[in-house]
C-alpha atoms as a PDB file:
ATOM      1  CA  MET A   1      -0.403 -18.085   7.720  1.00  0.00           C
ATOM      2  CA  ASN A   2      -0.278 -19.451   4.181  1.00  0.00           C
ATOM      3  CA  HIS A   3       3.368 -19.389   3.097  1.00  0.00           C
ATOM      4  CA  ARG A   4       2.530 -18.425  -0.487  1.00  0.00           C
ATOM      5  CA  LEU A   5       0.423 -15.479   0.640  1.00  0.00           C
ATOM      6  CA  LEU A   6       3.326 -14.327   2.800  1.00  0.00           C
ATOM      7  CA  GLY A   7       5.585 -14.762  -0.224  1.00  0.00           C
ATOM      8  CA  TRP A   8       3.354 -12.530  -2.328  1.00  0.00           C
ATOM      9  CA  LEU A   9       3.314  -9.909   0.415  1.00  0.00           C
ATOM     10  CA  ALA A  10       7.116 -10.029   0.470  1.00  0.00           C
ATOM     11  CA  ALA A  11       7.212  -9.753  -3.332  1.00  0.00           C
ATOM     12  CA  THR A  12       4.914  -6.717  -3.276  1.00  0.00           C
ATOM     13  CA  SER A  13       7.033  -5.044  -0.625  1.00  0.00           C
ATOM     14  CA  LEU A  14      10.177  -5.875  -2.609  1.00  0.00           C
ATOM     15  CA  VAL A  15       8.854  -4.262  -5.799  1.00  0.00           C
ATOM     16  CA  THR A  16       7.606  -1.080  -4.106  1.00  0.00           C
ATOM     17  CA  THR A  17      10.822  -0.707  -2.083  1.00  0.00           C
ATOM     18  CA  VAL A  18      13.082  -1.177  -5.121  1.00  0.00           C
ATOM     19  CA  VAL A  19      11.016   1.399  -7.022  1.00  0.00           C
ATOM     20  CA  TRP A  20      11.352   3.742  -4.017  1.00  0.00           C
ATOM     21  CA  LEU A  21      15.150   3.375  -4.016  1.00  0.00           C
ATOM     22  CA  VAL A  22      15.315   3.967  -7.783  1.00  0.00           C
ATOM     23  CA  LEU A  23      13.073   7.044  -7.569  1.00  0.00           C
ATOM     24  CA  LEU A  24      15.039   8.336  -4.577  1.00  0.00           C
ATOM     25  CA  ILE A  25      18.340   8.103  -6.429  1.00  0.00           C
ATOM     26  CA  ALA A  26      16.802   9.628  -9.563  1.00  0.00           C
ATOM     27  CA  GLY A  27      15.323  12.461  -7.498  1.00  0.00           C
ATOM     28  CA  ILE A  28      18.639  13.242  -5.830  1.00  0.00           C
ATOM     29  CA  SER A  29      20.298  13.357  -9.242  1.00  0.00           C
ATOM     30  CA  ALA A  30      17.574  15.553 -10.748  1.00  0.00           C
ATOM     31  CA  ALA A  31      17.463  17.946  -7.783  1.00  0.00           C
ATOM     32  CA  GLY A  32      21.112  18.960  -8.107  1.00  0.00           C
ATOM     33  CA  PRO A  33      22.977  20.496  -5.168  1.00  0.00           C
ATOM     34  CA  GLN A  34      20.972  20.345  -1.927  1.00  0.00           C
ATOM     35  CA  GLN A  35      23.367  21.991   0.492  1.00  0.00           C
ATOM     36  CA  SER A  36      20.998  24.703   1.725  1.00  0.00           C
ATOM     37  CA  PHE A  37      17.292  24.969   2.490  1.00  0.00           C
ATOM     38  CA  GLU A  38      16.891  27.447  -0.367  1.00  0.00           C
ATOM     39  CA  GLN A  39      18.211  24.860  -2.835  1.00  0.00           C
ATOM     40  CA  VAL A  40      15.895  22.180  -1.450  1.00  0.00           C
ATOM     41  CA  LEU A  41      12.927  24.554  -1.552  1.00  0.00           C
ATOM     42  CA  SER A  42      13.750  25.519  -5.141  1.00  0.00           C
ATOM     43  CA  TYR A  43      13.425  21.877  -6.211  1.00  0.00           C
ATOM     44  CA  VAL A  44      10.302  21.221  -4.122  1.00  0.00           C
ATOM     45  CA  SER A  45       8.627  24.394  -5.417  1.00  0.00           C
ATOM     46  CA  ARG A  46       8.854  23.128  -8.989  1.00  0.00           C
ATOM     47  CA  MET A  47       6.849  20.015  -8.014  1.00  0.00           C
ATOM     48  CA  PRO A  48       8.173  17.876 -10.885  1.00  0.00           C
ATOM     49  CA  PRO A  49       6.287  14.646 -11.669  1.00  0.00           C
ATOM     50  CA  LEU A  50       9.227  12.668 -10.267  1.00  0.00           C
ATOM     51  CA  TYR A  51       8.717  14.341  -6.871  1.00  0.00           C
ATOM     52  CA  THR A  52       5.006  13.457  -6.735  1.00  0.00           C
ATOM     53  CA  LEU A  53       5.637   9.922  -8.003  1.00  0.00           C
ATOM     54  CA  THR A  54       8.334   9.356  -5.395  1.00  0.00           C
ATOM     55  CA  TYR A  55       6.083  10.201  -2.465  1.00  0.00           C
ATOM     56  CA  ALA A  56       3.033   8.430  -3.872  1.00  0.00           C
ATOM     57  CA  ASN A  57       5.136   5.282  -4.225  1.00  0.00           C
ATOM     58  CA  ALA A  58       6.571   5.855  -0.740  1.00  0.00           C
ATOM     59  CA  ALA A  59       3.030   5.691   0.660  1.00  0.00           C
ATOM     60  CA  LEU A  60       2.446   2.416  -1.216  1.00  0.00           C
ATOM     61  CA  THR A  61       5.738   1.118   0.192  1.00  0.00           C
ATOM     62  CA  VAL A  62       4.506   1.822   3.715  1.00  0.00           C
ATOM     63  CA  ILE A  63       1.224   0.002   3.069  1.00  0.00           C
ATOM     64  CA  ALA A  64       3.064  -2.993   1.556  1.00  0.00           C
ATOM     65  CA  ALA A  65       5.518  -3.169   4.476  1.00  0.00           C
ATOM     66  CA  THR A  66       2.663  -2.940   6.986  1.00  0.00           C
ATOM     67  CA  ALA A  67       0.862  -5.834   5.289  1.00  0.00           C
ATOM     68  CA  LEU A  68       4.079  -7.878   5.214  1.00  0.00           C
ATOM     69  CA  PHE A  69       4.738  -7.401   8.915  1.00  0.00           C
ATOM     70  CA  GLY A  70       1.143  -8.323   9.644  1.00  0.00           C
ATOM     71  CA  GLY A  71       1.756 -11.529   7.693  1.00  0.00           C
ATOM     72  CA  LEU A  72       4.991 -12.200   9.565  1.00  0.00           C
ATOM     73  CA  TYR A  73       3.108 -11.796  12.825  1.00  0.00           C
ATOM     74  CA  ARG A  74       0.683 -14.530  11.791  1.00  0.00           C
ATOM     75  CA  TYR A  75       3.492 -16.711  10.414  1.00  0.00           C
ATOM     76  CA  LEU A  76       5.452 -16.579  13.680  1.00  0.00           C
ATOM     77  CA  GLN A  77       2.522 -17.016  16.055  1.00  0.00           C
ATOM     78  CA  PRO A  78       2.850 -20.825  16.352  1.00  0.00           C
ATOM     79  CA  THR A  79       6.593 -20.761  17.164  1.00  0.00           C
ATOM     80  CA  ALA A  80       7.038 -17.433  18.978  1.00  0.00           C
ATOM     81  CA  PRO A  81       3.584 -16.197  20.067  1.00  0.00           C
ATOM     82  CA  GLU A  82       4.793 -13.832  22.815  1.00  0.00           C
ATOM     83  CA  TRP A  83       7.465 -12.162  20.695  1.00  0.00           C
ATOM     84  CA  ALA A  84       5.116 -11.947  17.719  1.00  0.00           C
ATOM     85  CA  ALA A  85       2.521 -10.171  19.885  1.00  0.00           C
ATOM     86  CA  ILE A  86       5.132  -7.712  21.174  1.00  0.00           C
ATOM     87  CA  GLY A  87       6.528  -6.962  17.720  1.00  0.00           C
ATOM     88  CA  VAL A  88       3.218  -6.318  15.971  1.00  0.00           C
ATOM     89  CA  VAL A  89       2.353  -3.511  18.417  1.00  0.00           C
ATOM     90  CA  PHE A  90       4.960  -1.239  16.784  1.00  0.00           C
ATOM     91  CA  VAL A  91       3.802  -1.776  13.189  1.00  0.00           C
ATOM     92  CA  PRO A  92       0.719   0.534  13.163  1.00  0.00           C
ATOM     93  CA  ILE A  93       2.768   3.280  14.861  1.00  0.00           C
ATOM     94  CA  TYR A  94       5.301   3.092  12.028  1.00  0.00           C
ATOM     95  CA  ALA A  95       2.545   3.083   9.418  1.00  0.00           C
ATOM     96  CA  ALA A  96       0.766   6.128  10.871  1.00  0.00           C
ATOM     97  CA  LEU A  97       3.946   8.211  11.202  1.00  0.00           C
ATOM     98  CA  SER A  98       5.250   7.314   7.742  1.00  0.00           C
ATOM     99  CA  LEU A  99       1.955   7.982   5.975  1.00  0.00           C
ATOM    100  CA  VAL A 100       1.708  11.397   7.642  1.00  0.00           C
ATOM    101  CA  VAL A 101       5.236  12.233   6.471  1.00  0.00           C
ATOM    102  CA  TYR A 102       4.878  11.051   2.871  1.00  0.00           C
ATOM    103  CA  LEU A 103       1.323  12.140   2.129  1.00  0.00           C
ATOM    104  CA  SER A 104       1.996  15.593   3.591  1.00  0.00           C
ATOM    105  CA  GLN A 105       4.665  16.086   0.926  1.00  0.00           C
ATOM    106  CA  ILE A 106       2.063  15.955  -1.832  1.00  0.00           C
ATOM    107  CA  SER A 107      -0.779  17.626   0.084  1.00  0.00           C
ATOM    108  CA  LEU A 108       0.429  20.072   2.755  1.00  0.00           C
ATOM    109  CA  VAL A 109       3.760  21.128   1.245  1.00  0.00           C
ATOM    110  CA  PRO A 110       2.311  22.324  -2.121  1.00  0.00           C
ATOM    111  CA  ASN A 111      -0.151  24.538  -0.219  1.00  0.00           C
ATOM    112  CA  LEU A 112       2.663  26.010   1.876  1.00  0.00           C
ATOM    113  CA  VAL A 113       4.717  26.619  -1.279  1.00  0.00           C
ATOM    114  CA  ALA A 114       1.782  28.548  -2.746  1.00  0.00           C
ATOM    115  CA  LEU A 115       1.491  30.609   0.444  1.00  0.00           C
ATOM    116  CA  SER A 116       5.227  31.347   0.388  1.00  0.00           C
ATOM    117  CA  ARG A 117       4.758  33.250  -2.881  1.00  0.00           C
ATOM    118  CA  SER A 118       2.439  35.759  -1.236  1.00  0.00           C
ATOM    119  CA  PRO A 119       4.144  38.689   0.594  1.00  0.00           C
ATOM    120  CA  GLU A 120       1.493  38.598   3.339  1.00  0.00           C
ATOM    121  CA  THR A 121       2.089  34.934   4.270  1.00  0.00           C
ATOM    122  CA  GLN A 122       5.618  34.376   3.026  1.00  0.00           C
ATOM    123  CA  ALA A 123       7.405  34.493   6.388  1.00  0.00           C
ATOM    124  CA  GLN A 124       4.993  32.114   8.115  1.00  0.00           C
ATOM    125  CA  ALA A 125       4.917  29.741   5.140  1.00  0.00           C
ATOM    126  CA  ILE A 126       8.724  29.568   4.944  1.00  0.00           C
ATOM    127  CA  PHE A 127       8.882  28.802   8.665  1.00  0.00           C
ATOM    128  CA  PHE A 128       6.477  25.875   8.317  1.00  0.00           C
ATOM    129  CA  LEU A 129       8.192  24.658   5.143  1.00  0.00           C
ATOM    130  CA  ARG A 130      11.444  24.390   7.090  1.00  0.00           C
ATOM    131  CA  GLN A 131       9.654  21.937   9.378  1.00  0.00           C
ATOM    132  CA  THR A 132       7.572  20.004   6.848  1.00  0.00           C
ATOM    133  CA  VAL A 133       9.822  19.460   3.807  1.00  0.00           C
ATOM    134  CA  GLN A 134      11.005  15.896   4.338  1.00  0.00           C
ATOM    135  CA  GLN A 135      13.983  16.287   2.006  1.00  0.00           C
ATOM    136  CA  TRP A 136      15.461  18.997   4.237  1.00  0.00           C
ATOM    137  CA  PRO A 137      17.603  17.244   6.906  1.00  0.00           C
ATOM    138  CA  GLY A 138      16.819  19.948   9.460  1.00  0.00           C
ATOM    139  CA  SER A 139      13.055  19.554   9.268  1.00  0.00           C
ATOM    140  CA  ALA A 140      10.824  17.967  11.884  1.00  0.00           C
ATOM    141  CA  LEU A 141       9.340  15.576   9.315  1.00  0.00           C
ATOM    142  CA  PHE A 142      12.801  14.411   8.223  1.00  0.00           C
ATOM    143  CA  PHE A 143      13.429  13.314  11.808  1.00  0.00           C
ATOM    144  CA  LEU A 144       9.902  11.873  12.099  1.00  0.00           C
ATOM    145  CA  ASP A 145      10.526   9.805   8.972  1.00  0.00           C
ATOM    146  CA  ASN A 146      13.715   8.331  10.440  1.00  0.00           C
ATOM    147  CA  LEU A 147      11.969   7.795  13.770  1.00  0.00           C
ATOM    148  CA  ALA A 148       9.259   5.794  12.014  1.00  0.00           C
ATOM    149  CA  TYR A 149      11.887   3.511  10.473  1.00  0.00           C
ATOM    150  CA  ALA A 150      13.541   3.096  13.872  1.00  0.00           C
ATOM    151  CA  ILE A 151      10.173   2.087  15.328  1.00  0.00           C
ATOM    152  CA  LEU A 152       9.744  -0.482  12.533  1.00  0.00           C
ATOM    153  CA  GLY A 153      13.273  -1.617  13.353  1.00  0.00           C
ATOM    154  CA  ILE A 154      11.984  -3.094  16.617  1.00  0.00           C
ATOM    155  CA  PRO A 155       9.633  -5.650  14.981  1.00  0.00           C
ATOM    156  CA  SER A 156      12.263  -6.164  12.252  1.00  0.00           C
ATOM    157  CA  ILE A 157      14.575  -7.558  14.931  1.00  0.00           C
ATOM    158  CA  ILE A 158      11.824  -9.338  16.870  1.00  0.00           C
ATOM    159  CA  PHE A 159      10.407 -10.998  13.728  1.00  0.00           C
ATOM    160  CA  GLY A 160      13.732 -11.520  11.976  1.00  0.00           C
ATOM    161  CA  LEU A 161      15.540 -13.571  14.611  1.00  0.00           C
ATOM    162  CA  PRO A 162      12.802 -16.245  15.156  1.00  0.00           C
ATOM    163  CA  LEU A 163      12.396 -16.841  11.388  1.00  0.00           C
ATOM    164  CA  ARG A 164      15.083 -19.535  11.568  1.00  0.00           C
ATOM    165  CA  ALA A 165      12.999 -21.507  14.068  1.00  0.00           C
ATOM    166  CA  ALA A 166       9.843 -21.081  11.983  1.00  0.00           C
ATOM    167  CA  ASN A 167      11.574 -22.117   8.769  1.00  0.00           C
ATOM    168  CA  PRO A 168      15.304 -22.951   8.635  1.00  0.00           C
ATOM    169  CA  ARG A 169      15.477 -21.903   4.991  1.00  0.00           C
ATOM    170  CA  LEU A 170      14.578 -18.345   6.021  1.00  0.00           C
ATOM    171  CA  LYS A 171      17.590 -17.994   8.343  1.00  0.00           C
ATOM    172  CA  ILE A 172      19.497 -15.549   6.107  1.00  0.00           C
ATOM    173  CA  ALA A 173      16.366 -13.513   5.391  1.00  0.00           C
ATOM    174  CA  GLY A 174      15.724 -13.258   9.126  1.00  0.00           C
ATOM    175  CA  TYR A 175      19.250 -12.087   9.883  1.00  0.00           C
ATOM    176  CA  LEU A 176      19.076  -9.461   7.119  1.00  0.00           C
ATOM    177  CA  LEU A 177      15.726  -8.253   8.430  1.00  0.00           C
ATOM    178  CA  ALA A 178      17.222  -7.919  11.901  1.00  0.00           C
ATOM    179  CA  ALA A 179      20.220  -6.057  10.424  1.00  0.00           C
ATOM    180  CA  ASN A 180      17.772  -3.625   8.812  1.00  0.00           C
ATOM    181  CA  GLY A 181      16.206  -2.980  12.214  1.00  0.00           C
ATOM    182  CA  ILE A 182      19.571  -2.386  13.889  1.00  0.00           C
ATOM    183  CA  ALA A 183      20.683  -0.002  11.135  1.00  0.00           C
ATOM    184  CA  CYS A 184      17.472   2.052  11.340  1.00  0.00           C
ATOM    185  CA  ILE A 185      17.691   2.339  15.127  1.00  0.00           C
ATOM    186  CA  LEU A 186      21.335   3.403  14.888  1.00  0.00           C
ATOM    187  CA  GLY A 187      20.296   5.924  12.232  1.00  0.00           C
ATOM    188  CA  VAL A 188      17.920   7.798  14.514  1.00  0.00           C
ATOM    189  CA  ILE A 189      20.541   7.719  17.299  1.00  0.00           C
ATOM    190  CA  GLY A 190      22.978   9.265  14.831  1.00  0.00           C
ATOM    191  CA  LEU A 191      20.495  12.041  14.085  1.00  0.00           C
ATOM    192  CA  LEU A 192      19.866  12.726  17.755  1.00  0.00           C
ATOM    193  CA  PHE A 193      23.562  13.070  18.559  1.00  0.00           C
ATOM    194  CA  ASN A 194      24.653  14.420  15.156  1.00  0.00           C
ATOM    195  CA  LEU A 195      27.014  11.502  14.493  1.00  0.00           C
ATOM    196  CA  THR A 196      28.311  11.653  10.919  1.00  0.00           C
ATOM    197  CA  GLY A 197      27.877   8.366   9.079  1.00  0.00           C
ATOM    198  CA  LEU A 198      25.637   6.827  11.696  1.00  0.00           C
ATOM    199  CA  ASN A 199      22.852   9.227  10.723  1.00  0.00           C
ATOM    200  CA  GLN A 200      22.593   7.417   7.361  1.00  0.00           C
ATOM    201  CA  GLY A 201      21.402   4.279   9.118  1.00  0.00           C
ATOM    202  CA  SER A 202      17.877   4.379   7.683  1.00  0.00           C
ATOM    203  CA  LEU A 203      19.214   4.433   4.123  1.00  0.00           C
ATOM    204  CA  VAL A 204      21.574   1.540   4.864  1.00  0.00           C
ATOM    205  CA  GLY A 205      18.689  -0.279   6.518  1.00  0.00           C
ATOM    206  CA  GLY A 206      16.688   0.083   3.308  1.00  0.00           C
ATOM    207  CA  PHE A 207      19.294  -1.934   1.414  1.00  0.00           C
ATOM    208  CA  PHE A 208      19.307  -4.611   4.142  1.00  0.00           C
ATOM    209  CA  TYR A 209      15.505  -4.710   3.899  1.00  0.00           C
ATOM    210  CA  VAL A 210      15.625  -5.282   0.130  1.00  0.00           C
ATOM    211  CA  ALA A 211      18.288  -7.958   0.634  1.00  0.00           C
ATOM    212  CA  ALA A 212      16.033  -9.708   3.163  1.00  0.00           C
ATOM    213  CA  LEU A 213      12.999  -9.611   0.876  1.00  0.00           C
ATOM    214  CA  ILE A 214      14.794 -11.377  -1.988  1.00  0.00           C
ATOM    215  CA  PRO A 215      15.276 -14.762  -0.238  1.00  0.00           C
ATOM    216  CA  LEU A 216      11.982 -14.315   1.628  1.00  0.00           C
ATOM    217  CA  THR A 217      10.120 -13.986  -1.676  1.00  0.00           C
ATOM    218  CA  TRP A 218      12.116 -16.660  -3.492  1.00  0.00           C
ATOM    219  CA  ILE A 219      11.832 -19.337  -0.801  1.00  0.00           C
ATOM    220  CA  LEU A 220       8.172 -18.787   0.068  1.00  0.00           C
ATOM    221  CA  LEU A 221       7.041 -18.718  -3.569  1.00  0.00           C
ATOM    222  CA  ALA A 222       9.327 -21.502  -4.797  1.00  0.00           C
ATOM    223  CA  ARG A 223       7.729 -24.787  -5.682  1.00  0.00           C
ATOM    224  CA  GLY A 224       8.312 -27.778  -3.474  1.00  0.00           C
ATOM    225  CA  PRO A 225       7.342 -28.798   0.042  1.00  0.00           C
ATOM    226  CA  ALA A 226       6.529 -25.820   2.215  1.00  0.00           C
ATOM    227  CA  PHE A 227       7.717 -25.628   5.779  1.00  0.00           C
ATOM    228  CA  ARG A 228       5.118 -25.174   8.429  1.00  0.00           C
ATOM    229  CA  SER A 229       5.522 -22.308  10.839  1.00  0.00           C
ATOM    230  CA  ASN A 230       7.101 -24.704  13.355  1.00  0.00           C
ATOM    231  CA  GLY A 231      10.043 -25.305  11.013  1.00  0.00           C
ATOM    232  CA  LYS A 232       8.988 -28.846  10.024  1.00  0.00           C
ATOM    233  CA  GLU A 233       8.014 -30.096   6.632  1.00  0.00           C
ATOM    234  CA  PRO A 234       4.447 -31.351   6.315  1.00  0.00           C
ATOM    235  CA  GLN A 235       4.248 -35.108   6.541  1.00  0.00           C
ATOM    236  CA  ARG A 236       3.521 -36.899   3.302  1.00  0.00           C
ATOM    237  CA  GLN A 237       0.795 -39.486   3.424  1.00  0.00           C
ATOM    238  CA  HIS A 238       2.011 -42.956   2.455  1.00  0.00           C
ATOM    239  CA  SER A 239      -0.442 -45.489   1.103  1.00  0.00           C
ATOM    240  CA  ARG A 240      -0.612 -48.906   2.670  1.00  0.00           C
ATOM    241  CA  PRO A 241       0.074 -52.046   0.622  1.00  0.00           C
ATOM    242  CA  GLY A 242      -2.858 -52.757  -1.586  1.00  0.00           C
ATOM    243  CA  GLN A 243      -4.328 -49.271  -1.016  1.00  0.00           C
ATOM    244  CA  THR A 244      -4.665 -46.837  -3.931  1.00  0.00           C
ATOM    245  CA  THR A 245      -3.704 -43.202  -3.541  1.00  0.00           C
ATOM    246  CA  LYS A 246      -6.420 -40.654  -4.141  1.00  0.00           C
ATOM    247  CA  LYS A 247      -5.645 -37.861  -6.564  1.00  0.00           C
END
């Protein structure tokens, strides 16, 4: 795997994830109090541009992360082929679940909101909205979203820990990536057992993920000798006495 291509994949994932965090914070601020389902539904029903932009960017974030993990799989194949093969299996599962969650917010949910305004279909529409509005912590898609991140947490750990062997300069990035995976897995455990604090693991994992992408992008795109995927620098060719070096 070309290290610069992997660096650009990391950079793309970094940009889309940072934008997602910014839009998420802005959306929470714009939505106001979200203590009840009625308050959440009131915000979702308005369908402000920020809401649509947030979920459209979330879908791009999923695609960028999927491409990055595919690149990491190729990058780690020479040094950890078995672990790389195990880790990559979980990536398409994460991608499928996350895309269903995020794209449904700008396709299915608006249709259900429209149905909720009709007396004939209001009760059924409200029932399904309680399960499909991702911003509502009690919904099925809220849990599915966190489950998807927990699933991605498995390759985050599997790919993160061997990065040091593949390239010693990526040691910190690998540890941060593994920390993201642990946090996301703990987050879904917190949701399952209703453990306050622990259920925010996916959000905490997002910050670890951004922190991992910064050195990953910087090191892989920086000029200078690139490490091969076995952790060694490529050998420079030395000219023999009396031999000219080709340019």
